[in-house]
């Protein structure tokens, strides 16, 4: 049964609030923040792929449980890389102007890592494979269409703006603690979901994976041809 527009809005607000709260809880132990990112992406992607009628609590914990190992390794690896790049850039700044080329190269590596990291946790949330394969898939999706700059902007600028505007910090803190992170994840998922759809199984309006040959109502349909990810080895789009 179709819901009213008000029911859809309230349902969406509940999903955003519940998943945002769970994300904050999983980020308190910093080590599990990567799994929290993956679970949040899992929830928002399932919401968009279905009809927004899923249970955000059970969906979030399913995404957390299924992806915590790879997401945690990826998160700690990115933190270590960020620390090393920061130290390298700091040392270059102390050594004088002759390290400009090295500083530019390190900055390019940092930007590439940031772009791949923005795609990595949504990829971990919905695709299976080894971590190197998932990193390769993230790079593929980042290069496939010119959305990388927008995705990185959504991940970084709101946090940077919050840090700059200390006078409005109480308001920003309230927003981040209620729907801030989940709203950003929803916007990011909206951008990258069209890239993922050709490689994803079909789901019903509750976000549950459907078997091949079944429609949303359970009626048989013509089976679809599953597309594979082997073309991710090529960057020609």
Protein backbone atom coordinates (compact mmCIF):
# COMPACT_ATOMS: atom_id res chain seq x y z
CA UNK A 1 0.00 0.00 0.00
CA UNK A 2 1.39 3.39 -1.01
CA UNK A 3 2.07 5.83 1.77
CA UNK A 4 1.03 9.46 1.81
CA UNK A 5 3.65 12.17 1.14
CA UNK A 6 3.67 13.00 4.86
CA UNK A 7 4.24 9.36 5.70
CA UNK A 8 7.17 9.19 3.30
CA UNK A 9 8.73 12.32 4.80
CA UNK A 10 8.33 11.04 8.36
CA UNK A 11 9.69 7.65 7.36
CA UNK A 12 12.73 9.25 5.73
CA UNK A 13 13.33 11.43 8.81
CA UNK A 14 13.19 8.35 11.03
CA UNK A 15 15.71 6.51 8.84
CA UNK A 16 18.07 9.50 8.84
CA UNK A 17 17.82 10.04 12.60
CA UNK A 18 18.17 6.39 13.61
CA UNK A 19 21.06 5.63 11.25
CA UNK A 20 22.83 8.87 12.26
CA UNK A 21 22.59 7.97 15.95
CA UNK A 22 23.90 4.45 15.33
CA UNK A 23 26.73 5.86 13.23
CA UNK A 24 27.80 8.18 16.06
CA UNK A 25 27.71 5.30 18.53
CA UNK A 26 29.92 3.14 16.31
CA UNK A 27 32.36 6.04 15.85
CA UNK A 28 32.96 6.51 19.58
CA UNK A 29 35.57 3.74 19.53
CA UNK A 30 37.58 5.30 16.70
CA UNK A 31 38.74 1.89 15.49
CA UNK A 32 35.21 0.92 14.41
CA UNK A 33 34.47 4.19 12.59
CA UNK A 34 35.18 2.56 9.23
CA UNK A 35 32.58 -0.11 9.87
CA UNK A 36 30.20 2.69 10.87
CA UNK A 37 30.80 4.45 7.55
CA UNK A 38 30.14 1.21 5.66
CA UNK A 39 26.97 0.50 7.67
CA UNK A 40 25.67 4.03 7.12
CA UNK A 41 26.30 3.73 3.38
CA UNK A 42 24.61 0.32 3.41
CA UNK A 43 21.51 1.81 5.03
CA UNK A 44 21.20 4.85 2.77
CA UNK A 45 21.85 2.86 -0.41
CA UNK A 46 19.24 0.28 0.57
CA UNK A 47 16.81 3.09 1.36
CA UNK A 48 17.24 4.61 -2.08
CA UNK A 49 17.29 1.28 -3.87
CA UNK A 50 14.05 0.23 -2.19
CA UNK A 51 11.08 2.41 -1.33
CA UNK A 52 12.25 3.82 1.99
CA UNK A 53 10.26 1.34 4.10
CA UNK A 54 13.16 -0.55 5.67
CA UNK A 55 13.95 -0.83 9.36
CA UNK A 56 17.00 1.45 9.80
CA UNK A 57 18.15 -0.21 13.02
CA UNK A 58 18.27 -3.79 11.75
CA UNK A 59 19.57 -2.66 8.36
CA UNK A 60 22.40 -0.63 9.91
CA UNK A 61 23.52 -3.47 12.16
CA UNK A 62 23.38 -5.91 9.26
CA UNK A 63 25.65 -3.63 7.27
CA UNK A 64 27.94 -3.21 10.28
CA UNK A 65 28.14 -6.94 11.00
CA UNK A 66 28.71 -8.02 7.42
CA UNK A 67 31.40 -5.45 6.61
CA UNK A 68 33.16 -4.63 9.87
CA UNK A 69 36.37 -6.56 9.15
CA UNK A 70 37.16 -5.13 5.72
CA UNK A 71 35.87 -1.65 6.62
CA UNK A 72 38.01 -1.57 9.78
CA UNK A 73 41.16 -2.63 7.93
CA UNK A 74 40.45 -0.02 5.23
CA UNK A 75 39.81 2.69 7.82
CA UNK A 76 42.99 2.00 9.79
CA UNK A 77 45.00 1.85 6.56
CA UNK A 78 43.65 5.24 5.47
CA UNK A 79 44.41 6.73 8.89
CA UNK A 80 47.97 5.42 8.73
CA UNK A 81 48.41 6.76 5.20
CA UNK A 82 47.02 10.15 6.26
CA UNK A 83 49.45 10.31 9.18
CA UNK A 84 52.43 9.41 7.00
CA UNK A 85 51.47 11.96 4.34
CA UNK A 86 51.01 14.65 6.99
CA UNK A 87 54.46 13.96 8.44
CA UNK A 88 56.05 13.92 4.99
CA UNK A 89 54.42 17.24 4.08
CA UNK A 90 55.48 18.72 7.41
CA UNK A 91 59.09 17.69 6.86
CA UNK A 92 59.02 19.04 3.32
CA UNK A 93 57.80 22.40 4.60
CA UNK A 94 60.79 22.53 6.95
CA UNK A 95 63.39 21.69 4.31
CA UNK A 96 62.89 24.67 2.02
CA UNK A 97 61.69 25.44 -1.46
CA UNK A 98 63.62 22.66 -3.18
CA UNK A 99 61.00 20.16 -1.95
CA UNK A 100 58.14 21.82 -3.86
CA UNK A 101 57.95 19.01 -6.41
CA UNK A 102 57.90 16.37 -3.67
CA UNK A 103 55.22 18.29 -1.78
CA UNK A 104 53.09 18.48 -4.93
CA UNK A 105 53.46 14.73 -5.47
CA UNK A 106 52.50 14.00 -1.86
CA UNK A 107 49.48 16.30 -2.16
CA UNK A 108 48.39 14.46 -5.31
CA UNK A 109 48.66 11.14 -3.46
CA UNK A 110 46.61 12.56 -0.59
CA UNK A 111 43.90 13.78 -2.98
CA UNK A 112 43.76 10.40 -4.75
CA UNK A 113 43.48 8.62 -1.39
CA UNK A 114 40.68 10.98 -0.35
CA UNK A 115 38.72 10.34 -3.56
CA UNK A 116 39.13 6.57 -3.32
CA UNK A 117 38.27 6.65 0.38
CA UNK A 118 35.01 8.50 -0.32
CA UNK A 119 33.95 5.67 -2.65
CA UNK A 120 35.54 2.79 -0.75
CA UNK A 121 33.08 2.44 2.12
CA UNK A 122 29.95 2.49 -0.10
CA UNK A 123 31.68 -0.10 -2.31
CA UNK A 124 32.49 -2.25 0.72
CA UNK A 125 28.86 -1.93 1.84
CA UNK A 126 27.34 -3.41 -1.30
CA UNK A 127 29.99 -5.48 -3.10
CA UNK A 128 31.85 -8.64 -2.17
CA UNK A 129 35.52 -9.32 -2.80
CA UNK A 130 38.96 -8.97 -1.32
CA UNK A 131 40.00 -5.56 -0.04
CA UNK A 132 42.42 -4.93 -2.96
CA UNK A 133 39.59 -5.74 -5.37
CA UNK A 134 37.26 -3.35 -3.57
CA UNK A 135 39.89 -0.59 -3.68
CA UNK A 136 40.26 -1.23 -7.41
CA UNK A 137 36.47 -1.07 -7.82
CA UNK A 138 36.40 2.23 -5.90
CA UNK A 139 38.99 3.68 -8.25
CA UNK A 140 36.97 2.43 -11.22
CA UNK A 141 33.76 4.10 -10.03
CA UNK A 142 35.61 7.32 -9.16
CA UNK A 143 37.01 7.52 -12.69
CA UNK A 144 33.92 6.29 -14.54
CA UNK A 145 31.99 9.56 -14.37
CA UNK A 146 33.02 13.09 -13.33
CA UNK A 147 31.24 12.91 -9.97
CA UNK A 148 34.33 12.46 -7.83
CA UNK A 149 34.71 16.18 -7.12
CA UNK A 150 31.10 16.46 -5.96
CA UNK A 151 31.36 13.38 -3.73
CA UNK A 152 34.57 14.65 -2.14
CA UNK A 153 32.98 18.10 -1.68
CA UNK A 154 30.02 16.55 0.15
CA UNK A 155 32.36 14.64 2.43
CA UNK A 156 34.69 17.48 3.32
CA UNK A 157 33.23 20.96 2.89
CA UNK A 158 30.40 20.74 5.49
CA UNK A 159 32.88 19.57 8.13
CA UNK A 160 35.36 22.27 7.14
CA UNK A 161 32.62 24.92 7.25
CA UNK A 162 31.55 23.73 10.69
CA UNK A 163 35.14 24.00 11.93
CA UNK A 164 35.43 27.57 10.60
CA UNK A 165 32.16 28.88 12.06
CA UNK A 166 32.76 28.47 15.77
CA UNK A 167 30.06 31.03 16.62
CA UNK A 168 27.35 28.71 15.29
CA UNK A 169 28.89 25.56 16.77
CA UNK A 170 25.88 24.68 19.00
CA UNK A 171 23.56 24.69 15.98
CA UNK A 172 25.99 22.67 13.89
CA UNK A 173 26.53 20.22 16.74
CA UNK A 174 22.77 19.68 16.96
CA UNK A 175 22.53 19.04 13.23
CA UNK A 176 25.49 16.65 13.16
CA UNK A 177 24.10 14.72 16.13
CA UNK A 178 20.62 14.33 14.61
CA UNK A 179 20.78 13.90 10.82
CA UNK A 180 24.02 15.52 9.64
CA UNK A 181 26.11 12.48 8.77
CA UNK A 182 23.22 10.40 7.47
CA UNK A 183 21.97 13.27 5.30
CA UNK A 184 25.42 13.60 3.72
CA UNK A 185 25.52 9.85 3.20
CA UNK A 186 22.08 9.97 1.58
CA UNK A 187 23.21 12.71 -0.83
CA UNK A 188 26.38 10.79 -1.67
CA UNK A 189 24.42 7.57 -2.17
CA UNK A 190 22.04 9.41 -4.49
CA UNK A 191 25.00 10.39 -6.67
CA UNK A 192 26.76 7.05 -6.80
CA UNK A 193 23.79 4.66 -6.82
CA UNK A 194 23.28 5.02 -10.61
CA UNK A 195 26.88 3.79 -11.01
CA UNK A 196 26.21 0.79 -8.79
CA UNK A 197 22.77 -0.27 -10.07
CA UNK A 198 23.95 -2.24 -13.13
CA UNK A 199 26.00 -4.46 -10.81
CA UNK A 200 23.50 -4.84 -7.95
CA UNK A 201 20.76 -7.42 -7.39
CA UNK A 202 17.19 -6.16 -7.54
CA UNK A 203 15.43 -5.38 -4.25
CA UNK A 204 11.80 -4.88 -3.26
CA UNK A 205 10.42 -1.71 -1.69
CA UNK A 206 11.67 -2.83 1.73
CA UNK A 207 15.26 -3.07 0.47
CA UNK A 208 15.26 -6.88 0.55
CA UNK A 209 17.12 -8.67 -2.24
CA UNK A 210 14.72 -10.42 -4.61
CA UNK A 211 15.37 -13.67 -6.39
CA UNK A 212 15.85 -13.57 -10.14
CA UNK A 213 12.61 -13.88 -12.04
CA UNK A 214 10.41 -12.23 -9.39
CA UNK A 215 8.78 -8.79 -9.47
CA UNK A 216 8.18 -6.42 -6.57
CA UNK A 217 4.79 -8.06 -5.98
CA UNK A 218 6.15 -11.60 -6.14
CA UNK A 219 4.90 -12.28 -9.66
CA UNK A 220 7.31 -14.01 -12.05
CA UNK A 221 9.08 -11.87 -14.60
CA UNK A 222 11.58 -12.43 -17.32
CA UNK A 223 14.98 -13.09 -15.72
CA UNK A 224 17.49 -10.26 -16.10
CA UNK A 225 21.04 -10.80 -17.28
CA UNK A 226 23.46 -10.15 -14.43
CA UNK A 227 26.32 -7.85 -15.32
CA UNK A 228 29.75 -8.68 -13.97
CA UNK A 229 32.51 -6.45 -12.62
CA UNK A 230 35.31 -7.66 -14.85
CA UNK A 231 35.25 -4.42 -16.83
CA UNK A 232 36.43 -2.63 -13.70
CA UNK A 233 39.92 -3.63 -14.73
CA UNK A 234 39.58 -1.19 -17.60
CA UNK A 235 39.26 2.54 -17.18
CA UNK A 236 37.84 3.29 -20.57
CA UNK A 237 34.31 3.47 -19.12
